């Protein structure tokens, strides 16, 4: 019953990550005997991180880049005039 009310409130407040992860975080908090403030901080941090990830993903999709590249995929042999350290710190 309470979990349904929490899910409803999370939906109303647009907190989808909290709705999904509330149970496991609450169980962990009970096992570790976390204070309410520590529990609340973990739940809010989870929602913040999820929102940042969704925002980053949306920005990458709307940017229209032809392909997503990561530093791990960079061919340092191709750019022989730039040392690897200079690329990583630039």
C-alpha atoms as a PDB file:
ATOM      1  CA  UNK A   1       0.000   0.000   0.000  1.00  0.00           C
ATOM      2  CA  UNK A   2       2.704   2.480   0.946  1.00  0.00           C
ATOM      3  CA  UNK A   3       4.809   1.552  -2.075  1.00  0.00           C
ATOM      4  CA  UNK A   4       1.836   2.358  -4.318  1.00  0.00           C
ATOM      5  CA  UNK A   5       1.417   5.747  -2.663  1.00  0.00           C
ATOM      6  CA  UNK A   6       5.122   6.462  -3.066  1.00  0.00           C
ATOM      7  CA  UNK A   7       5.013   5.443  -6.732  1.00  0.00           C
ATOM      8  CA  UNK A   8       2.018   7.709  -7.263  1.00  0.00           C
ATOM      9  CA  UNK A   9       3.740  10.649  -5.570  1.00  0.00           C
ATOM     10  CA  UNK A  10       6.927  10.090  -7.553  1.00  0.00           C
ATOM     11  CA  UNK A  11       4.910  10.068 -10.761  1.00  0.00           C
ATOM     12  CA  UNK A  12       3.098  13.257  -9.743  1.00  0.00           C
ATOM     13  CA  UNK A  13       6.402  14.966  -8.884  1.00  0.00           C
ATOM     14  CA  UNK A  14       8.148  13.608 -11.997  1.00  0.00           C
ATOM     15  CA  UNK A  15      10.720  11.565 -10.074  1.00  0.00           C
ATOM     16  CA  UNK A  16      10.914   8.352 -12.124  1.00  0.00           C
ATOM     17  CA  UNK A  17      14.317   7.197 -10.871  1.00  0.00           C
ATOM     18  CA  UNK A  18      13.275   7.433  -7.245  1.00  0.00           C
ATOM     19  CA  UNK A  19      10.138   5.447  -8.040  1.00  0.00           C
ATOM     20  CA  UNK A  20      12.251   2.709  -9.650  1.00  0.00           C
ATOM     21  CA  UNK A  21      15.063   2.559  -7.083  1.00  0.00           C
ATOM     22  CA  UNK A  22      13.336   3.440  -3.826  1.00  0.00           C
ATOM     23  CA  UNK A  23      12.994  -0.165  -2.634  1.00  0.00           C
ATOM     24  CA  UNK A  24      16.633  -1.247  -2.966  1.00  0.00           C
ATOM     25  CA  UNK A  25      17.904   2.011  -1.455  1.00  0.00           C
ATOM     26  CA  UNK A  26      15.469   1.722   1.470  1.00  0.00           C
ATOM     27  CA  UNK A  27      16.600  -1.863   2.126  1.00  0.00           C
ATOM     28  CA  UNK A  28      20.257  -0.815   2.020  1.00  0.00           C
ATOM     29  CA  UNK A  29      19.524   2.071   4.391  1.00  0.00           C
ATOM     30  CA  UNK A  30      17.803  -0.289   6.827  1.00  0.00           C
ATOM     31  CA  UNK A  31      20.711  -2.768   6.748  1.00  0.00           C
ATOM     32  CA  UNK A  32      23.311  -0.060   7.283  1.00  0.00           C
ATOM     33  CA  UNK A  33      21.116   1.843   9.735  1.00  0.00           C
ATOM     34  CA  UNK A  34      21.513   5.091   7.820  1.00  0.00           C
ATOM     35  CA  UNK A  35      20.022   8.267   9.165  1.00  0.00           C
ATOM     36  CA  UNK A  36      17.008   9.711   7.391  1.00  0.00           C
ATOM     37  CA  UNK A  37      19.183  12.541   6.055  1.00  0.00           C
ATOM     38  CA  UNK A  38      21.698  10.058   4.571  1.00  0.00           C
ATOM     39  CA  UNK A  39      18.876   8.042   3.008  1.00  0.00           C
ATOM     40  CA  UNK A  40      17.286  11.174   1.562  1.00  0.00           C
ATOM     41  CA  UNK A  41      20.631  12.338   0.199  1.00  0.00           C
ATOM     42  CA  UNK A  42      21.164   9.007  -1.584  1.00  0.00           C
ATOM     43  CA  UNK A  43      17.693   9.043  -3.095  1.00  0.00           C
ATOM     44  CA  UNK A  44      17.996  12.640  -4.296  1.00  0.00           C
ATOM     45  CA  UNK A  45      21.507  12.052  -5.621  1.00  0.00           C
ATOM     46  CA  UNK A  46      20.195   9.083  -7.618  1.00  0.00           C
ATOM     47  CA  UNK A  47      17.474  11.219  -9.183  1.00  0.00           C
ATOM     48  CA  UNK A  48      19.940  14.020  -9.952  1.00  0.00           C
ATOM     49  CA  UNK A  49      22.368  11.633 -11.647  1.00  0.00           C
ATOM     50  CA  UNK A  50      19.579  10.041 -13.669  1.00  0.00           C
ATOM     51  CA  UNK A  51      18.367  13.453 -14.819  1.00  0.00           C
ATOM     52  CA  UNK A  52      21.882  14.486 -15.837  1.00  0.00           C
ATOM     53  CA  UNK A  53      22.281  11.259 -17.804  1.00  0.00           C
ATOM     54  CA  UNK A  54      18.925  11.728 -19.554  1.00  0.00           C
ATOM     55  CA  UNK A  55      19.790  15.358 -20.319  1.00  0.00           C
ATOM     56  CA  UNK A  56      23.192  14.452 -21.724  1.00  0.00           C
ATOM     57  CA  UNK A  57      21.639  11.723 -23.833  1.00  0.00           C
ATOM     58  CA  UNK A  58      18.961  14.068 -25.168  1.00  0.00           C
ATOM     59  CA  UNK A  59      21.518  16.757 -25.995  1.00  0.00           C
ATOM     60  CA  UNK A  60      23.672  14.246 -27.871  1.00  0.00           C
ATOM     61  CA  UNK A  61      20.666  13.037 -29.884  1.00  0.00           C
ATOM     62  CA  UNK A  62      19.486  16.540 -30.759  1.00  0.00           C
ATOM     63  CA  UNK A  63      22.981  17.734 -31.652  1.00  0.00           C
ATOM     64  CA  UNK A  64      22.829  15.634 -34.800  1.00  0.00           C
ATOM     65  CA  UNK A  65      26.379  14.326 -34.629  1.00  0.00           C
ATOM     66  CA  UNK A  66      27.041  11.790 -37.407  1.00  0.00           C
ATOM     67  CA  UNK A  67      28.552   9.316 -34.908  1.00  0.00           C
ATOM     68  CA  UNK A  68      29.332   9.163 -31.222  1.00  0.00           C
ATOM     69  CA  UNK A  69      33.061   8.878 -30.549  1.00  0.00           C
ATOM     70  CA  UNK A  70      34.878   8.276 -27.292  1.00  0.00           C
ATOM     71  CA  UNK A  71      38.477   8.878 -26.302  1.00  0.00           C
ATOM     72  CA  UNK A  72      38.974   5.107 -26.143  1.00  0.00           C
ATOM     73  CA  UNK A  73      38.183   4.912 -29.874  1.00  0.00           C
ATOM     74  CA  UNK A  74      40.643   7.681 -30.826  1.00  0.00           C
ATOM     75  CA  UNK A  75      43.421   6.508 -33.146  1.00  0.00           C
ATOM     76  CA  UNK A  76      46.587   8.027 -31.697  1.00  0.00           C
ATOM     77  CA  UNK A  77      48.702   6.509 -34.496  1.00  0.00           C
ATOM     78  CA  UNK A  78      46.668   8.403 -37.095  1.00  0.00           C
ATOM     79  CA  UNK A  79      47.407  11.762 -35.456  1.00  0.00           C
ATOM     80  CA  UNK A  80      51.145  11.189 -35.173  1.00  0.00           C
ATOM     81  CA  UNK A  81      51.983  14.872 -34.676  1.00  0.00           C
ATOM     82  CA  UNK A  82      49.964  15.046 -31.429  1.00  0.00           C
ATOM     83  CA  UNK A  83      51.269  13.043 -28.490  1.00  0.00           C
ATOM     84  CA  UNK A  84      48.644  11.041 -26.597  1.00  0.00           C
ATOM     85  CA  UNK A  85      49.106  13.027 -23.410  1.00  0.00           C
ATOM     86  CA  UNK A  86      48.451  16.320 -25.214  1.00  0.00           C
ATOM     87  CA  UNK A  87      45.166  14.975 -26.619  1.00  0.00           C
ATOM     88  CA  UNK A  88      44.019  13.651 -23.253  1.00  0.00           C
ATOM     89  CA  UNK A  89      44.777  16.884 -21.392  1.00  0.00           C
ATOM     90  CA  UNK A  90      43.495  19.276 -24.077  1.00  0.00           C
END
